[in-house]
PDB file of N, CA and C in Angstrom:
ATOM      1  N   MET A   1      60.454  45.077 159.540  1.00  0.00           N
ATOM      2  CA  MET A   1      61.895  45.260 159.627  1.00  0.00           C
ATOM      3  C   MET A   1      62.490  45.130 158.226  1.00  0.00           C
ATOM      4  N   PRO A   2      63.315  46.106 157.811  1.00  0.00           N
ATOM      5  CA  PRO A   2      63.880  46.041 156.463  1.00  0.00           C
ATOM      6  C   PRO A   2      64.837  44.857 156.320  1.00  0.00           C
ATOM      7  N   ASP A   3      64.991  44.464 155.081  1.00  0.00           N
ATOM      8  CA  ASP A   3      65.946  43.409 154.745  1.00  0.00           C
ATOM      9  C   ASP A   3      67.322  43.799 155.292  1.00  0.00           C
ATOM     10  N   PRO A   4      68.029  42.874 155.927  1.00  0.00           N
ATOM     11  CA  PRO A   4      69.358  43.207 156.472  1.00  0.00           C
ATOM     12  C   PRO A   4      70.319  43.747 155.412  1.00  0.00           C
ATOM     13  N   LYS A   5      70.205  43.283 154.189  1.00  0.00           N
ATOM     14  CA  LYS A   5      71.081  43.777 153.115  1.00  0.00           C
ATOM     15  C   LYS A   5      70.790  45.251 152.830  1.00  0.00           C
ATOM     16  N   THR A   6      69.506  45.621 152.824  1.00  0.00           N
ATOM     17  CA  THR A   6      69.132  47.019 152.612  1.00  0.00           C
ATOM     18  C   THR A   6      69.731  47.888 153.703  1.00  0.00           C
ATOM     19  N   ASP A   7      69.600  47.431 154.934  1.00  0.00           N
ATOM     20  CA  ASP A   7      70.135  48.188 156.066  1.00  0.00           C
ATOM     21  C   ASP A   7      71.657  48.307 155.976  1.00  0.00           C
ATOM     22  N   GLU A   8      72.313  47.217 155.588  1.00  0.00           N
ATOM     23  CA  GLU A   8      73.771  47.229 155.438  1.00  0.00           C
ATOM     24  C   GLU A   8      74.202  48.231 154.355  1.00  0.00           C
ATOM     25  N   LEU A   9      73.494  48.229 153.237  1.00  0.00           N
ATOM     26  CA  LEU A   9      73.818  49.159 152.154  1.00  0.00           C
ATOM     27  C   LEU A   9      73.591  50.602 152.589  1.00  0.00           C
ATOM     28  N   ARG A  10      72.516  50.843 153.317  1.00  0.00           N
ATOM     29  CA  ARG A  10      72.219  52.200 153.801  1.00  0.00           C
ATOM     30  C   ARG A  10      73.322  52.694 154.725  1.00  0.00           C
ATOM     31  N   LEU A  11      73.775  51.833 155.630  1.00  0.00           N
ATOM     32  CA  LEU A  11      74.860  52.216 156.539  1.00  0.00           C
ATOM     33  C   LEU A  11      76.158  52.487 155.786  1.00  0.00           C
ATOM     34  N   GLU A  12      76.408  51.706 154.746  1.00  0.00           N
ATOM     35  CA  GLU A  12      77.605  51.924 153.930  1.00  0.00           C
ATOM     36  C   GLU A  12      77.560  53.297 153.254  1.00  0.00           C
ATOM     37  N   GLN A  13      76.390  53.690 152.769  1.00  0.00           N
ATOM     38  CA  GLN A  13      76.264  55.003 152.127  1.00  0.00           C
ATOM     39  C   GLN A  13      76.430  56.133 153.142  1.00  0.00           C
ATOM     40  N   ILE A  14      75.979  55.925 154.355  1.00  0.00           N
ATOM     41  CA  ILE A  14      76.199  56.923 155.408  1.00  0.00           C
ATOM     42  C   ILE A  14      77.697  57.101 155.638  1.00  0.00           C
ATOM     43  N   ARG A  15      78.422  55.991 155.728  1.00  0.00           N
ATOM     44  CA  ARG A  15      79.879  56.054 155.922  1.00  0.00           C
ATOM     45  C   ARG A  15      80.566  56.738 154.741  1.00  0.00           C
ATOM     46  N   ARG A  16      80.169  56.363 153.526  1.00  0.00           N
ATOM     47  CA  ARG A  16      80.780  56.973 152.335  1.00  0.00           C
ATOM     48  C   ARG A  16      80.536  58.471 152.299  1.00  0.00           C
ATOM     49  N   GLY A  17      79.306  58.872 152.582  1.00  0.00           N
ATOM     50  CA  GLY A  17      78.984  60.296 152.582  1.00  0.00           C
ATOM     51  C   GLY A  17      79.811  61.052 153.600  1.00  0.00           C
ATOM     52  N   ARG A  18      79.936  60.500 154.791  1.00  0.00           N
ATOM     53  CA  ARG A  18      80.735  61.136 155.848  1.00  0.00           C
ATOM     54  C   ARG A  18      82.198  61.240 155.426  1.00  0.00           C
ATOM     55  N   ASP A  19      82.736  60.164 154.867  1.00  0.00           N
ATOM     56  CA  ASP A  19      84.138  60.163 154.430  1.00  0.00           C
ATOM     57  C   ASP A  19      84.384  61.189 153.318  1.00  0.00           C
ATOM     58  N   GLU A  20      83.455  61.262 152.377  1.00  0.00           N
ATOM     59  CA  GLU A  20      83.619  62.209 151.272  1.00  0.00           C
ATOM     60  C   GLU A  20      83.482  63.654 151.745  1.00  0.00           C
ATOM     61  N   ARG A  21      82.610  63.907 152.696  1.00  0.00           N
ATOM     62  CA  ARG A  21      82.503  65.275 153.245  1.00  0.00           C
ATOM     63  C   ARG A  21      83.814  65.665 153.928  1.00  0.00           C
ATOM     64  N   GLU A  22      84.431  64.708 154.594  1.00  0.00           N
ATOM     65  CA  GLU A  22      85.732  64.962 155.226  1.00  0.00           C
ATOM     66  C   GLU A  22      86.787  65.263 154.153  1.00  0.00           C
ATOM     67  N   ARG A  23      86.803  64.478 153.076  1.00  0.00           N
ATOM     68  CA  ARG A  23      87.747  64.733 151.978  1.00  0.00           C
ATOM     69  C   ARG A  23      87.502  66.106 151.365  1.00  0.00           C
ATOM     70  N   GLU A  24      86.230  66.452 151.247  1.00  0.00           N
ATOM     71  CA  GLU A  24      85.877  67.761 150.686  1.00  0.00           C
ATOM     72  C   GLU A  24      86.464  68.885 151.543  1.00  0.00           C
ATOM     73  N   ARG A  25      86.343  68.776 152.856  1.00  0.00           N
ATOM     74  CA  ARG A  25      86.878  69.815 153.759  1.00  0.00           C
ATOM     75  C   ARG A  25      88.409  69.882 153.713  1.00  0.00           C
ATOM     76  N   GLU A  26      89.040  68.725 153.496  1.00  0.00           N
ATOM     77  CA  GLU A  26      90.502  68.674 153.521  1.00  0.00           C
ATOM     78  C   GLU A  26      91.154  68.855 152.152  1.00  0.00           C
ATOM     79  N   ALA A  27      90.357  68.984 151.107  1.00  0.00           N
ATOM     80  CA  ALA A  27      90.895  69.080 149.748  1.00  0.00           C
ATOM     81  C   ALA A  27      91.790  70.307 149.593  1.00  0.00           C
ATOM     82  N   ASP A  28      92.869  70.114 148.841  1.00  0.00           N
ATOM     83  CA  ASP A  28      93.828  71.195 148.608  1.00  0.00           C
ATOM     84  C   ASP A  28      93.443  72.102 147.451  1.00  0.00           C
ATOM     85  N   ASP A  29      92.692  71.575 146.500  1.00  0.00           N
ATOM     86  CA  ASP A  29      92.323  72.406 145.357  1.00  0.00           C
ATOM     87  C   ASP A  29      90.838  72.233 145.024  1.00  0.00           C
ATOM     88  N   ARG A  30      90.336  73.149 144.238  1.00  0.00           N
ATOM     89  CA  ARG A  30      88.905  73.189 143.922  1.00  0.00           C
ATOM     90  C   ARG A  30      88.422  71.957 143.164  1.00  0.00           C
ATOM     91  N   PRO A  31      89.137  71.453 142.155  1.00  0.00           N
ATOM     92  CA  PRO A  31      88.642  70.252 141.465  1.00  0.00           C
ATOM     93  C   PRO A  31      88.520  69.042 142.404  1.00  0.00           C
ATOM     94  N   GLU A  32      89.489  68.876 143.260  1.00  0.00           N
ATOM     95  CA  GLU A  32      89.442  67.771 144.226  1.00  0.00           C
ATOM     96  C   GLU A  32      88.270  67.961 145.183  1.00  0.00           C
ATOM     97  N   GLN A  33      88.064  69.176 145.615  1.00  0.00           N
ATOM     98  CA  GLN A  33      86.954  69.489 146.515  1.00  0.00           C
ATOM     99  C   GLN A  33      85.613  69.215 145.822  1.00  0.00           C
ATOM    100  N   HIS A  34      85.499  69.619 144.582  1.00  0.00           N
ATOM    101  CA  HIS A  34      84.266  69.426 143.825  1.00  0.00           C
ATOM    102  C   HIS A  34      83.966  67.932 143.630  1.00  0.00           C
ATOM    103  N   SER A  35      84.989  67.149 143.319  1.00  0.00           N
ATOM    104  CA  SER A  35      84.804  65.705 143.142  1.00  0.00           C
ATOM    105  C   SER A  35      84.313  65.047 144.424  1.00  0.00           C
ATOM    106  N   ALA A  36      84.908  65.416 145.533  1.00  0.00           N
ATOM    107  CA  ALA A  36      84.489  64.858 146.822  1.00  0.00           C
ATOM    108  C   ALA A  36      83.051  65.268 147.136  1.00  0.00           C
ATOM    109  N   GLU A  37      82.716  66.507 146.810  1.00  0.00           N
ATOM    110  CA  GLU A  37      81.349  66.991 147.039  1.00  0.00           C
ATOM    111  C   GLU A  37      80.345  66.180 146.223  1.00  0.00           C
ATOM    112  N   ARG A  38      80.658  65.922 144.956  1.00  0.00           N
ATOM    113  CA  ARG A  38      79.766  65.134 144.096  1.00  0.00           C
ATOM    114  C   ARG A  38      79.609  63.713 144.622  1.00  0.00           C
ATOM    115  N   ARG A  39      80.713  63.112 145.062  1.00  0.00           N
ATOM    116  CA  ARG A  39      80.635  61.750 145.600  1.00  0.00           C
ATOM    117  C   ARG A  39      79.801  61.723 146.889  1.00  0.00           C
ATOM    118  N   ALA A  40      79.954  62.738 147.731  1.00  0.00           N
ATOM    119  CA  ALA A  40      79.172  62.819 148.969  1.00  0.00           C
ATOM    120  C   ALA A  40      77.694  63.002 148.651  1.00  0.00           C
ATOM    121  N   ASP A  41      77.385  63.830 147.664  1.00  0.00           N
ATOM    122  CA  ASP A  41      75.993  64.030 147.263  1.00  0.00           C
ATOM    123  C   ASP A  41      75.382  62.732 146.728  1.00  0.00           C
ATOM    124  N   LYS A  42      76.156  61.993 145.955  1.00  0.00           N
ATOM    125  CA  LYS A  42      75.677  60.723 145.420  1.00  0.00           C
ATOM    126  C   LYS A  42      75.409  59.737 146.558  1.00  0.00           C
ATOM    127  N   ALA A  43      76.300  59.677 147.517  1.00  0.00           N
ATOM    128  CA  ALA A  43      76.111  58.776 148.660  1.00  0.00           C
ATOM    129  C   ALA A  43      74.851  59.152 149.433  1.00  0.00           C
ATOM    130  N   GLU A  44      74.606  60.449 149.593  1.00  0.00           N
ATOM    131  CA  GLU A  44      73.394  60.901 150.289  1.00  0.00           C
ATOM    132  C   GLU A  44      72.144  60.519 149.505  1.00  0.00           C
ATOM    133  N   TYR A  45      72.187  60.675 148.194  1.00  0.00           N
ATOM    134  CA  TYR A  45      71.050  60.292 147.356  1.00  0.00           C
ATOM    135  C   TYR A  45      70.769  58.793 147.492  1.00  0.00           C
ATOM    136  N   LEU A  46      71.812  57.983 147.391  1.00  0.00           N
ATOM    137  CA  LEU A  46      71.636  56.535 147.511  1.00  0.00           C
ATOM    138  C   LEU A  46      71.132  56.155 148.897  1.00  0.00           C
ATOM    139  N   ARG A  47      71.623  56.830 149.930  1.00  0.00           N
ATOM    140  CA  ARG A  47      71.164  56.561 151.285  1.00  0.00           C
ATOM    141  C   ARG A  47      69.671  56.848 151.406  1.00  0.00           C
ATOM    142  N   SER A  48      69.228  57.948 150.819  1.00  0.00           N
ATOM    143  CA  SER A  48      67.807  58.287 150.909  1.00  0.00           C
ATOM    144  C   SER A  48      66.948  57.273 150.142  1.00  0.00           C
ATOM    145  N   LYS A  49      67.434  56.802 149.008  1.00  0.00           N
ATOM    146  CA  LYS A  49      66.691  55.790 148.249  1.00  0.00           C
ATOM    147  C   LYS A  49      66.635  54.468 149.022  1.00  0.00           C
ATOM    148  N   LEU A  50      67.704  54.122 149.693  1.00  0.00           N
ATOM    149  CA  LEU A  50      67.697  52.910 150.503  1.00  0.00           C
ATOM    150  C   LEU A  50      66.776  53.046 151.706  1.00  0.00           C
ATOM    151  N   ALA A  51      66.674  54.247 152.259  1.00  0.00           N
ATOM    152  CA  ALA A  51      65.737  54.486 153.357  1.00  0.00           C
ATOM    153  C   ALA A  51      64.302  54.313 152.853  1.00  0.00           C
ATOM    154  N   GLU A  52      64.012  54.808 151.650  1.00  0.00           N
ATOM    155  CA  GLU A  52      62.690  54.616 151.055  1.00  0.00           C
ATOM    156  C   GLU A  52      62.410  53.126 150.850  1.00  0.00           C
ATOM    157  N   ARG A  53      63.407  52.400 150.389  1.00  0.00           N
ATOM    158  CA  ARG A  53      63.256  50.955 150.179  1.00  0.00           C
ATOM    159  C   ARG A  53      62.976  50.250 151.500  1.00  0.00           C
ATOM    160  N   ALA A  54      63.693  50.633 152.545  1.00  0.00           N
ATOM    161  CA  ALA A  54      63.483  50.019 153.862  1.00  0.00           C
ATOM    162  C   ALA A  54      62.061  50.295 154.348  1.00  0.00           C
ATOM    163  N   GLU A  55      61.588  51.506 154.119  1.00  0.00           N
ATOM    164  CA  GLU A  55      60.225  51.857 154.523  1.00  0.00           C
ATOM    165  C   GLU A  55      59.209  51.010 153.752  1.00  0.00           C
ATOM    166  N   ALA A  56      59.433  50.841 152.465  1.00  0.00           N
ATOM    167  CA  ALA A  56      58.536  50.019 151.648  1.00  0.00           C
ATOM    168  C   ALA A  56      58.558  48.569 152.120  1.00  0.00           C
ATOM    169  N   GLU A  57      59.731  48.072 152.492  1.00  0.00           N
ATOM    170  CA  GLU A  57      59.827  46.709 153.005  1.00  0.00           C
ATOM    171  C   GLU A  57      59.056  46.572 154.318  1.00  0.00           C
ATOM    172  N   ASP A  58      59.140  47.591 155.162  1.00  0.00           N
ATOM    173  CA  ASP A  58      58.382  47.588 156.420  1.00  0.00           C
ATOM    174  C   ASP A  58      56.875  47.557 156.140  1.00  0.00           C
ATOM    175  N   GLU A  59      56.430  48.383 155.207  1.00  0.00           N
ATOM    176  CA  GLU A  59      55.004  48.437 154.865  1.00  0.00           C
ATOM    177  C   GLU A  59      54.539  47.101 154.307  1.00  0.00           C
ATOM    178  N   ALA A  60      55.344  46.500 153.443  1.00  0.00           N
ATOM    179  CA  ALA A  60      54.975  45.206 152.854  1.00  0.00           C
ATOM    180  C   ALA A  60      54.861  44.135 153.942  1.00  0.00           C
ATOM    181  N   GLU A  61      55.753  44.193 154.904  1.00  0.00           N
ATOM    182  CA  GLU A  61      55.721  43.219 155.994  1.00  0.00           C
ATOM    183  C   GLU A  61      54.457  43.414 156.844  1.00  0.00           C
ATOM    184  N   ARG A  62      54.073  44.664 157.081  1.00  0.00           N
ATOM    185  CA  ARG A  62      52.858  44.942 157.861  1.00  0.00           C
ATOM    186  C   ARG A  62      51.611  44.488 157.132  1.00  0.00           C
ATOM    187  N   ASP A  63      51.624  44.594 155.799  1.00  0.00           N
ATOM    188  CA  ASP A  63      50.468  44.213 154.998  1.00  0.00           C
ATOM    189  C   ASP A  63      50.287  42.694 154.920  1.00  0.00           C
ATOM    190  N   ASP A  64      51.336  41.957 155.163  1.00  0.00           N
ATOM    191  CA  ASP A  64      51.253  40.483 155.085  1.00  0.00           C
ATOM    192  C   ASP A  64      50.611  39.877 156.268  1.00  0.00           C
TER     193      ASP A  64
END
């Protein structure tokens, strides 16, 4: 089972990504839309890295 902090951070990035995608769809101009898109992409990247970390924590726990 991954560290609860890792799981909490992963869930936060899921929320951020979802919120930024919503901002991207609702943006009035292209620069605002682009900024929201970049923030959503960053949140997705961080979420995937946290998922990798959780998997590594699971593997380490199984090895112990």
